[in-house]
């Protein structure tokens, strides 16, 4: 349980000292990371992206979060893919060291999906289930399969995005 502060700080009261820290130590990862979260809450997306990018330079595992943010902000798909590729590179090594790390495996699968490498992501999920028949991995595989089916349906020429639900008027 976290202790409750006597007086909760406002976003501005949090932001000011973090900016001072970055003035003194521009590569301070935690300050960039906290500012990225703060700016995301405020929906100041450009600032959030900037600080998350700075943090990811020192902590490559953060590239997954950066790729996800870029995708949500509809950035250039090539940029999203490039950042997702960096995430794949950063997450592959720790997973090789600990093949049973489910959290790392799921993060790597998400990186593959952001990079547009759906089949590789699904294969990684299947290999994890073969190694460790964990219910969390099986649920994640089911969710992944649903996402992949939805993507295929959306890109199908049979897709009827312009129509409402069956039986309703357009």
N, C-alpha and C. Protein backbone atom coordinates (compact mmCIF):
# COMPACT_ATOMS: atom_id res chain seq x y z
N UNK A 1 0.84 -1.17 0.00
CA UNK A 1 0.00 0.00 0.00
C UNK A 1 0.89 1.25 0.00
N UNK A 2 0.56 2.17 -0.88
CA UNK A 2 1.32 3.41 -0.96
C UNK A 2 0.85 4.40 0.09
N UNK A 3 1.77 5.13 0.70
CA UNK A 3 1.34 6.15 1.66
C UNK A 3 0.66 7.30 0.92
N UNK A 4 -0.36 7.86 1.55
CA UNK A 4 -1.08 8.97 0.96
C UNK A 4 -0.35 10.27 1.30
N UNK A 5 -0.13 11.12 0.31
CA UNK A 5 0.50 12.41 0.63
C UNK A 5 -0.46 13.28 1.43
N UNK A 6 0.12 14.13 2.27
CA UNK A 6 -0.72 15.04 3.05
C UNK A 6 -1.47 15.99 2.14
N UNK A 7 -0.76 16.46 1.12
CA UNK A 7 -1.37 17.36 0.15
C UNK A 7 -0.97 16.87 -1.25
N UNK A 8 -1.91 16.35 -2.01
CA UNK A 8 -1.57 15.88 -3.36
C UNK A 8 -1.05 17.04 -4.22
N UNK A 9 -0.03 16.74 -5.02
CA UNK A 9 0.55 17.76 -5.89
C UNK A 9 -0.29 17.92 -7.16
N UNK A 10 -0.32 19.14 -7.65
CA UNK A 10 -0.98 19.38 -8.93
C UNK A 10 -0.01 18.98 -10.04
N UNK A 11 -0.51 18.90 -11.24
CA UNK A 11 0.32 18.55 -12.39
C UNK A 11 1.44 19.58 -12.57
N UNK A 12 1.12 20.85 -12.36
CA UNK A 12 2.14 21.90 -12.49
C UNK A 12 3.22 21.76 -11.42
N UNK A 13 2.82 21.37 -10.21
CA UNK A 13 3.80 21.19 -9.13
C UNK A 13 4.69 19.98 -9.39
N UNK A 14 4.21 19.03 -10.13
CA UNK A 14 5.02 17.87 -10.51
C UNK A 14 5.94 18.24 -11.67
N UNK A 15 5.40 18.99 -12.62
CA UNK A 15 6.12 19.32 -13.84
C UNK A 15 7.35 20.20 -13.59
N UNK A 16 7.20 21.23 -12.76
CA UNK A 16 8.29 22.18 -12.54
C UNK A 16 9.60 21.54 -12.08
N UNK A 17 9.60 20.73 -11.02
CA UNK A 17 10.87 20.13 -10.59
C UNK A 17 11.44 19.14 -11.62
N UNK A 18 10.56 18.49 -12.36
CA UNK A 18 11.06 17.57 -13.38
C UNK A 18 11.78 18.32 -14.49
N UNK A 19 11.24 19.46 -14.86
CA UNK A 19 11.92 20.29 -15.88
C UNK A 19 13.27 20.79 -15.36
N UNK A 20 13.32 21.13 -14.07
CA UNK A 20 14.60 21.55 -13.48
C UNK A 20 15.61 20.40 -13.50
N UNK A 21 15.14 19.21 -13.21
CA UNK A 21 16.02 18.03 -13.28
C UNK A 21 16.57 17.89 -14.69
N UNK A 22 15.70 18.04 -15.69
CA UNK A 22 16.16 17.88 -17.08
C UNK A 22 17.09 19.01 -17.52
N UNK A 23 16.94 20.18 -16.91
CA UNK A 23 17.89 21.26 -17.20
C UNK A 23 19.30 20.86 -16.73
N UNK A 24 19.35 20.19 -15.59
CA UNK A 24 20.63 19.77 -15.02
C UNK A 24 21.14 18.46 -15.62
N UNK A 25 20.22 17.55 -15.91
CA UNK A 25 20.58 16.22 -16.43
C UNK A 25 19.62 15.86 -17.57
N UNK A 26 19.92 16.34 -18.79
CA UNK A 26 19.01 16.16 -19.92
C UNK A 26 18.69 14.70 -20.27
N UNK A 27 19.50 13.77 -19.81
CA UNK A 27 19.27 12.36 -20.13
C UNK A 27 18.61 11.59 -18.99
N UNK A 28 18.06 12.28 -18.01
CA UNK A 28 17.44 11.64 -16.85
C UNK A 28 16.17 10.90 -17.32
N UNK A 29 16.28 9.59 -17.39
CA UNK A 29 15.22 8.76 -17.97
C UNK A 29 13.91 8.86 -17.20
N UNK A 30 13.99 8.75 -15.87
CA UNK A 30 12.78 8.77 -15.07
C UNK A 30 12.03 10.09 -15.22
N UNK A 31 12.76 11.20 -15.29
CA UNK A 31 12.10 12.50 -15.46
C UNK A 31 11.37 12.55 -16.81
N UNK A 32 12.04 12.06 -17.86
CA UNK A 32 11.39 12.03 -19.18
C UNK A 32 10.15 11.13 -19.14
N UNK A 33 10.27 10.00 -18.48
CA UNK A 33 9.18 9.04 -18.43
C UNK A 33 7.97 9.61 -17.67
N UNK A 34 8.22 10.25 -16.54
CA UNK A 34 7.12 10.83 -15.76
C UNK A 34 6.48 11.98 -16.53
N UNK A 35 7.30 12.81 -17.16
CA UNK A 35 6.75 13.91 -17.95
C UNK A 35 5.92 13.37 -19.12
N UNK A 36 6.37 12.31 -19.76
CA UNK A 36 5.59 11.71 -20.85
C UNK A 36 4.22 11.27 -20.35
N UNK A 37 4.19 10.64 -19.19
CA UNK A 37 2.91 10.23 -18.60
C UNK A 37 2.03 11.41 -18.25
N UNK A 38 2.64 12.44 -17.68
CA UNK A 38 1.92 13.65 -17.30
C UNK A 38 1.31 14.32 -18.54
N UNK A 39 2.11 14.45 -19.59
CA UNK A 39 1.61 15.09 -20.80
C UNK A 39 0.56 14.23 -21.50
N UNK A 40 0.67 12.93 -21.38
CA UNK A 40 -0.37 12.05 -21.95
C UNK A 40 -1.70 12.28 -21.24
N UNK A 41 -1.65 12.38 -19.92
CA UNK A 41 -2.87 12.63 -19.15
C UNK A 41 -3.50 13.96 -19.58
N UNK A 42 -2.65 14.95 -19.81
CA UNK A 42 -3.13 16.26 -20.23
C UNK A 42 -3.50 16.31 -21.72
N UNK A 43 -3.22 15.24 -22.43
CA UNK A 43 -3.44 15.15 -23.88
C UNK A 43 -2.57 16.13 -24.67
N UNK A 44 -1.38 16.40 -24.12
CA UNK A 44 -0.39 17.21 -24.82
C UNK A 44 0.53 16.22 -25.54
N UNK A 45 0.02 15.70 -26.66
CA UNK A 45 0.61 14.54 -27.31
C UNK A 45 2.02 14.78 -27.85
N UNK A 46 2.26 15.93 -28.41
CA UNK A 46 3.59 16.20 -28.97
C UNK A 46 4.66 16.17 -27.87
N UNK A 47 4.35 16.78 -26.73
CA UNK A 47 5.29 16.77 -25.60
C UNK A 47 5.44 15.36 -25.04
N UNK A 48 4.34 14.63 -24.95
CA UNK A 48 4.41 13.25 -24.45
C UNK A 48 5.30 12.41 -25.36
N UNK A 49 5.11 12.55 -26.64
CA UNK A 49 5.90 11.80 -27.62
C UNK A 49 7.38 12.16 -27.52
N UNK A 50 7.67 13.45 -27.38
CA UNK A 50 9.06 13.91 -27.27
C UNK A 50 9.74 13.29 -26.05
N UNK A 51 9.10 13.35 -24.90
CA UNK A 51 9.72 12.85 -23.68
C UNK A 51 9.81 11.32 -23.66
N UNK A 52 8.82 10.66 -24.22
CA UNK A 52 8.88 9.20 -24.29
C UNK A 52 9.99 8.77 -25.25
N UNK A 53 10.17 9.50 -26.32
CA UNK A 53 11.25 9.22 -27.25
C UNK A 53 12.61 9.40 -26.58
N UNK A 54 12.74 10.45 -25.80
CA UNK A 54 14.00 10.70 -25.08
C UNK A 54 14.27 9.59 -24.07
N UNK A 55 13.23 9.15 -23.37
CA UNK A 55 13.40 8.08 -22.38
C UNK A 55 13.77 6.76 -23.06
N UNK A 56 13.17 6.50 -24.22
CA UNK A 56 13.43 5.24 -24.93
C UNK A 56 14.86 5.14 -25.43
N UNK A 57 15.49 6.28 -25.67
CA UNK A 57 16.89 6.24 -26.12
C UNK A 57 17.78 5.56 -25.07
N UNK A 58 17.46 5.77 -23.81
CA UNK A 58 18.25 5.16 -22.73
C UNK A 58 17.65 3.85 -22.24
N UNK A 59 16.35 3.69 -22.39
CA UNK A 59 15.66 2.46 -21.97
C UNK A 59 14.89 1.91 -23.16
N UNK A 60 15.56 1.12 -23.99
CA UNK A 60 14.94 0.66 -25.24
C UNK A 60 13.64 -0.13 -25.07
N UNK A 61 13.39 -0.69 -23.89
CA UNK A 61 12.13 -1.40 -23.70
C UNK A 61 10.94 -0.45 -23.78
N UNK A 62 11.18 0.86 -23.69
CA UNK A 62 10.11 1.85 -23.80
C UNK A 62 9.70 2.11 -25.24
N UNK A 63 10.46 1.57 -26.20
CA UNK A 63 10.08 1.74 -27.61
C UNK A 63 8.70 1.17 -27.89
N UNK A 64 8.30 0.12 -27.17
CA UNK A 64 6.96 -0.43 -27.37
C UNK A 64 5.91 0.63 -27.05
N UNK A 65 6.06 1.32 -25.93
CA UNK A 65 5.10 2.37 -25.56
C UNK A 65 5.13 3.51 -26.57
N UNK A 66 6.32 3.85 -27.05
CA UNK A 66 6.44 4.92 -28.04
C UNK A 66 5.76 4.53 -29.35
N UNK A 67 5.95 3.30 -29.79
CA UNK A 67 5.31 2.84 -31.03
C UNK A 67 3.79 2.86 -30.87
N UNK A 68 3.31 2.42 -29.71
CA UNK A 68 1.86 2.45 -29.47
C UNK A 68 1.31 3.86 -29.47
N UNK A 69 2.05 4.79 -28.86
CA UNK A 69 1.62 6.19 -28.85
C UNK A 69 1.59 6.75 -30.27
N UNK A 70 2.63 6.49 -31.03
CA UNK A 70 2.69 6.98 -32.40
C UNK A 70 1.52 6.43 -33.23
N UNK A 71 1.19 5.17 -33.01
CA UNK A 71 0.07 4.59 -33.75
C UNK A 71 -1.24 5.25 -33.35
N UNK A 72 -1.46 5.46 -32.05
CA UNK A 72 -2.68 6.11 -31.59
C UNK A 72 -2.79 7.54 -32.12
N UNK A 73 -1.65 8.18 -32.35
CA UNK A 73 -1.64 9.55 -32.86
C UNK A 73 -1.66 9.60 -34.38
N UNK A 74 -1.81 8.44 -35.02
CA UNK A 74 -1.85 8.34 -36.49
C UNK A 74 -0.61 8.92 -37.15
N UNK A 75 0.54 8.63 -36.56
CA UNK A 75 1.80 9.06 -37.17
C UNK A 75 2.05 8.21 -38.41
N UNK A 76 3.03 8.60 -39.20
CA UNK A 76 3.39 7.88 -40.42
C UNK A 76 3.61 6.40 -40.09
N UNK A 77 2.90 5.51 -40.79
CA UNK A 77 3.06 4.07 -40.51
C UNK A 77 4.50 3.58 -40.60
N UNK A 78 5.30 4.19 -41.46
CA UNK A 78 6.71 3.80 -41.56
C UNK A 78 7.46 4.15 -40.26
N UNK A 79 7.10 5.26 -39.65
CA UNK A 79 7.70 5.67 -38.39
C UNK A 79 7.28 4.72 -37.27
N UNK A 80 6.01 4.36 -37.24
CA UNK A 80 5.52 3.41 -36.24
C UNK A 80 6.26 2.08 -36.38
N UNK A 81 6.39 1.62 -37.62
CA UNK A 81 7.09 0.35 -37.88
C UNK A 81 8.54 0.43 -37.45
N UNK A 82 9.21 1.52 -37.74
CA UNK A 82 10.62 1.66 -37.37
C UNK A 82 10.80 1.62 -35.85
N UNK A 83 9.92 2.29 -35.13
CA UNK A 83 10.00 2.29 -33.66
C UNK A 83 9.66 0.90 -33.13
N UNK A 84 8.67 0.24 -33.74
CA UNK A 84 8.30 -1.11 -33.32
C UNK A 84 9.46 -2.08 -33.56
N UNK A 85 10.20 -1.89 -34.64
CA UNK A 85 11.37 -2.73 -34.92
C UNK A 85 12.43 -2.55 -33.83
N UNK A 86 12.59 -1.32 -33.37
CA UNK A 86 13.53 -1.07 -32.26
C UNK A 86 13.05 -1.76 -31.00
N UNK A 87 11.75 -1.78 -30.80
CA UNK A 87 11.18 -2.48 -29.65
C UNK A 87 11.44 -3.98 -29.75
N UNK A 88 11.28 -4.54 -30.94
CA UNK A 88 11.53 -5.97 -31.15
C UNK A 88 12.98 -6.29 -30.80
N UNK A 89 13.88 -5.47 -31.27
CA UNK A 89 15.31 -5.69 -30.99
C UNK A 89 15.59 -5.60 -29.48
N UNK A 90 14.94 -4.64 -28.82
CA UNK A 90 15.19 -4.44 -27.38
C UNK A 90 14.59 -5.56 -26.53
N UNK A 91 13.45 -6.10 -26.94
CA UNK A 91 12.76 -7.10 -26.13
C UNK A 91 13.18 -8.53 -26.43
N UNK A 92 13.77 -8.76 -27.59
CA UNK A 92 14.16 -10.13 -27.98
C UNK A 92 15.25 -10.69 -27.07
N UNK A 93 16.23 -9.88 -26.73
CA UNK A 93 17.34 -10.36 -25.90
C UNK A 93 16.89 -10.82 -24.52
N UNK A 94 16.11 -10.02 -23.78
CA UNK A 94 15.67 -10.50 -22.47
C UNK A 94 14.80 -11.76 -22.56
N UNK A 95 14.01 -11.89 -23.62
CA UNK A 95 13.18 -13.08 -23.75
C UNK A 95 14.04 -14.31 -24.03
N UNK A 96 15.12 -14.14 -24.78
CA UNK A 96 16.03 -15.27 -25.02
C UNK A 96 16.67 -15.74 -23.72
N UNK A 97 16.94 -14.80 -22.82
CA UNK A 97 17.55 -15.15 -21.53
C UNK A 97 16.55 -15.85 -20.61
N UNK A 98 15.28 -15.49 -20.72
CA UNK A 98 14.25 -16.07 -19.86
C UNK A 98 13.02 -16.38 -20.71
N UNK A 99 13.03 -17.53 -21.36
CA UNK A 99 11.95 -17.93 -22.28
C UNK A 99 10.59 -18.04 -21.59
N UNK A 100 10.59 -18.19 -20.28
CA UNK A 100 9.33 -18.34 -19.55
C UNK A 100 8.70 -17.04 -19.10
N UNK A 101 9.31 -15.91 -19.43
CA UNK A 101 8.80 -14.61 -19.00
C UNK A 101 7.59 -14.23 -19.87
N UNK A 102 6.41 -14.47 -19.33
CA UNK A 102 5.18 -14.26 -20.10
C UNK A 102 4.98 -12.78 -20.42
N UNK A 103 5.26 -11.91 -19.45
CA UNK A 103 5.08 -10.47 -19.66
C UNK A 103 5.95 -9.98 -20.82
N UNK A 104 7.21 -10.45 -20.85
CA UNK A 104 8.13 -10.05 -21.92
C UNK A 104 7.66 -10.61 -23.26
N UNK A 105 7.17 -11.85 -23.25
CA UNK A 105 6.68 -12.47 -24.48
C UNK A 105 5.49 -11.69 -25.04
N UNK A 106 4.56 -11.32 -24.17
CA UNK A 106 3.40 -10.56 -24.64
C UNK A 106 3.79 -9.19 -25.18
N UNK A 107 4.76 -8.55 -24.53
CA UNK A 107 5.23 -7.25 -25.02
C UNK A 107 5.89 -7.41 -26.39
N UNK A 108 6.64 -8.48 -26.57
CA UNK A 108 7.29 -8.71 -27.86
C UNK A 108 6.25 -9.01 -28.94
N UNK A 109 5.22 -9.77 -28.60
CA UNK A 109 4.14 -10.04 -29.55
C UNK A 109 3.48 -8.72 -29.96
N UNK A 110 3.23 -7.86 -29.00
CA UNK A 110 2.63 -6.56 -29.31
C UNK A 110 3.54 -5.75 -30.24
N UNK A 111 4.85 -5.84 -30.01
CA UNK A 111 5.80 -5.14 -30.88
C UNK A 111 5.71 -5.67 -32.31
N UNK A 112 5.63 -6.99 -32.44
CA UNK A 112 5.50 -7.57 -33.78
C UNK A 112 4.22 -7.07 -34.47
N UNK A 113 3.14 -7.00 -33.73
CA UNK A 113 1.89 -6.53 -34.32
C UNK A 113 2.00 -5.08 -34.77
N UNK A 114 2.62 -4.25 -33.94
CA UNK A 114 2.81 -2.84 -34.32
C UNK A 114 3.72 -2.70 -35.54
N UNK A 115 4.63 -3.65 -35.70
CA UNK A 115 5.54 -3.61 -36.86
C UNK A 115 4.89 -4.24 -38.10
N UNK A 116 3.66 -4.73 -37.95
CA UNK A 116 2.99 -5.34 -39.09
C UNK A 116 3.41 -6.77 -39.35
N UNK A 117 4.05 -7.39 -38.37
CA UNK A 117 4.53 -8.76 -38.51
C UNK A 117 3.63 -9.70 -37.70
N UNK A 118 2.36 -9.75 -38.11
CA UNK A 118 1.35 -10.49 -37.37
C UNK A 118 1.70 -11.98 -37.25
N UNK A 119 2.14 -12.58 -38.34
CA UNK A 119 2.44 -14.02 -38.33
C UNK A 119 3.58 -14.33 -37.35
N UNK A 120 4.60 -13.47 -37.32
CA UNK A 120 5.71 -13.69 -36.38
C UNK A 120 5.24 -13.55 -34.94
N UNK A 121 4.36 -12.60 -34.69
CA UNK A 121 3.82 -12.42 -33.35
C UNK A 121 3.00 -13.62 -32.91
N UNK A 122 2.19 -14.15 -33.81
CA UNK A 122 1.37 -15.32 -33.49
C UNK A 122 2.27 -16.54 -33.26
N UNK A 123 3.29 -16.68 -34.07
CA UNK A 123 4.23 -17.80 -33.90
C UNK A 123 4.94 -17.73 -32.56
N UNK A 124 5.32 -16.55 -32.15
CA UNK A 124 5.96 -16.37 -30.84
C UNK A 124 5.00 -16.76 -29.71
N UNK A 125 3.74 -16.41 -29.88
CA UNK A 125 2.73 -16.77 -28.88
C UNK A 125 2.57 -18.29 -28.83
N UNK A 126 2.50 -18.94 -29.98
CA UNK A 126 2.35 -20.40 -30.02
C UNK A 126 3.54 -21.11 -29.39
N UNK A 127 4.75 -20.61 -29.65
CA UNK A 127 5.94 -21.24 -29.06
C UNK A 127 5.92 -21.09 -27.54
N UNK A 128 5.38 -19.99 -27.05
CA UNK A 128 5.27 -19.80 -25.61
C UNK A 128 4.28 -20.78 -25.00
N UNK A 129 3.20 -21.04 -25.70
CA UNK A 129 2.21 -22.00 -25.21
C UNK A 129 2.80 -23.40 -25.21
N UNK A 130 3.60 -23.73 -26.21
CA UNK A 130 4.25 -25.04 -26.25
C UNK A 130 5.19 -25.22 -25.06
N UNK A 131 5.90 -24.17 -24.70
CA UNK A 131 6.84 -24.23 -23.58
C UNK A 131 6.13 -24.22 -22.24
N UNK A 132 5.12 -23.40 -22.12
CA UNK A 132 4.46 -23.19 -20.84
C UNK A 132 2.97 -23.00 -21.11
N UNK A 133 2.21 -24.03 -20.95
CA UNK A 133 0.79 -24.00 -21.27
C UNK A 133 0.03 -23.16 -20.24
N UNK A 134 0.35 -21.89 -20.21
CA UNK A 134 -0.21 -20.96 -19.23
C UNK A 134 -1.56 -20.42 -19.72
N UNK A 135 -2.58 -20.38 -18.85
CA UNK A 135 -3.89 -19.86 -19.25
C UNK A 135 -3.83 -18.41 -19.75
N UNK A 136 -2.93 -17.61 -19.21
CA UNK A 136 -2.81 -16.21 -19.66
C UNK A 136 -2.36 -16.16 -21.11
N UNK A 137 -1.43 -17.05 -21.48
CA UNK A 137 -0.97 -17.09 -22.88
C UNK A 137 -2.08 -17.60 -23.80
N UNK A 138 -2.84 -18.57 -23.34
CA UNK A 138 -3.93 -19.09 -24.16
C UNK A 138 -5.00 -18.03 -24.38
N UNK A 139 -5.31 -17.27 -23.35
CA UNK A 139 -6.28 -16.18 -23.50
C UNK A 139 -5.73 -15.12 -24.46
N UNK A 140 -4.45 -14.80 -24.30
CA UNK A 140 -3.82 -13.81 -25.18
C UNK A 140 -3.84 -14.29 -26.63
N UNK A 141 -3.62 -15.59 -26.86
CA UNK A 141 -3.67 -16.13 -28.22
C UNK A 141 -5.09 -16.01 -28.79
N UNK A 142 -6.09 -16.29 -27.97
CA UNK A 142 -7.47 -16.14 -28.43
C UNK A 142 -7.77 -14.69 -28.80
N UNK A 143 -7.33 -13.77 -27.94
CA UNK A 143 -7.52 -12.35 -28.23
C UNK A 143 -6.79 -11.94 -29.50
N UNK A 144 -5.58 -12.45 -29.67
CA UNK A 144 -4.79 -12.15 -30.87
C UNK A 144 -5.50 -12.67 -32.11
N UNK A 145 -6.01 -13.89 -32.04
CA UNK A 145 -6.71 -14.44 -33.20
C UNK A 145 -7.93 -13.60 -33.55
N UNK A 146 -8.65 -13.11 -32.55
CA UNK A 146 -9.79 -12.23 -32.83
C UNK A 146 -9.35 -10.94 -33.52
N UNK A 147 -8.26 -10.38 -33.04
CA UNK A 147 -7.74 -9.15 -33.65
C UNK A 147 -7.35 -9.40 -35.10
N UNK A 148 -6.69 -10.52 -35.35
CA UNK A 148 -6.25 -10.83 -36.72
C UNK A 148 -7.45 -11.06 -37.64
N UNK A 149 -8.49 -11.72 -37.13
CA UNK A 149 -9.69 -11.94 -37.94
C UNK A 149 -10.37 -10.60 -38.23
N UNK A 150 -10.44 -9.72 -37.24
CA UNK A 150 -11.04 -8.41 -37.45
C UNK A 150 -10.27 -7.61 -38.50
N UNK A 151 -8.92 -7.71 -38.46
CA UNK A 151 -8.10 -7.01 -39.45
C UNK A 151 -8.39 -7.54 -40.85
N UNK A 152 -8.48 -8.86 -40.96
CA UNK A 152 -8.75 -9.46 -42.28
C UNK A 152 -10.14 -9.07 -42.77
N UNK A 153 -11.11 -9.09 -41.89
CA UNK A 153 -12.47 -8.71 -42.30
C UNK A 153 -12.52 -7.24 -42.73
N UNK A 154 -11.82 -6.39 -41.98
CA UNK A 154 -11.84 -4.96 -42.31
C UNK A 154 -11.19 -4.68 -43.67
N UNK A 155 -10.20 -5.48 -44.03
CA UNK A 155 -9.52 -5.24 -45.30
C UNK A 155 -10.14 -6.04 -46.45
N UNK A 156 -11.13 -6.83 -46.15
CA UNK A 156 -11.78 -7.65 -47.17
C UNK A 156 -12.64 -6.79 -48.08
N UNK A 157 -12.68 -7.14 -49.38
CA UNK A 157 -13.58 -6.41 -50.28
C UNK A 157 -15.05 -6.66 -49.93
N UNK A 158 -15.30 -7.69 -49.14
CA UNK A 158 -16.66 -7.99 -48.73
C UNK A 158 -17.09 -7.12 -47.55
N UNK A 159 -16.16 -6.36 -46.98
CA UNK A 159 -16.47 -5.52 -45.84
C UNK A 159 -17.48 -4.47 -46.25
N UNK A 160 -18.45 -4.26 -45.40
CA UNK A 160 -19.52 -3.30 -45.72
C UNK A 160 -19.53 -2.21 -44.67
N UNK A 161 -18.42 -1.49 -44.58
CA UNK A 161 -18.29 -0.46 -43.55
C UNK A 161 -19.36 0.61 -43.64
N UNK A 162 -19.89 0.84 -44.82
CA UNK A 162 -20.88 1.89 -45.00
C UNK A 162 -22.25 1.51 -44.51
N UNK A 163 -22.46 0.24 -44.23
CA UNK A 163 -23.77 -0.22 -43.80
C UNK A 163 -23.85 -0.27 -42.29
N UNK A 164 -25.04 -0.13 -41.79
CA UNK A 164 -25.28 -0.28 -40.36
C UNK A 164 -25.41 -1.75 -40.03
N UNK A 165 -25.86 -2.07 -38.85
CA UNK A 165 -26.06 -3.46 -38.47
C UNK A 165 -27.05 -4.13 -39.39
N UNK A 166 -26.97 -5.42 -39.50
CA UNK A 166 -27.84 -6.19 -40.38
C UNK A 166 -29.29 -5.82 -40.12
N UNK A 167 -30.03 -5.59 -41.17
CA UNK A 167 -31.45 -5.30 -41.06
C UNK A 167 -31.77 -3.84 -40.80
N UNK A 168 -30.76 -3.00 -40.65
CA UNK A 168 -31.05 -1.59 -40.39
C UNK A 168 -30.88 -0.80 -41.68
N UNK A 169 -31.47 0.34 -41.69
CA UNK A 169 -31.36 1.22 -42.85
C UNK A 169 -30.01 1.92 -42.84
N UNK A 170 -29.37 2.12 -43.99
CA UNK A 170 -28.08 2.83 -44.03
C UNK A 170 -28.22 4.29 -43.68
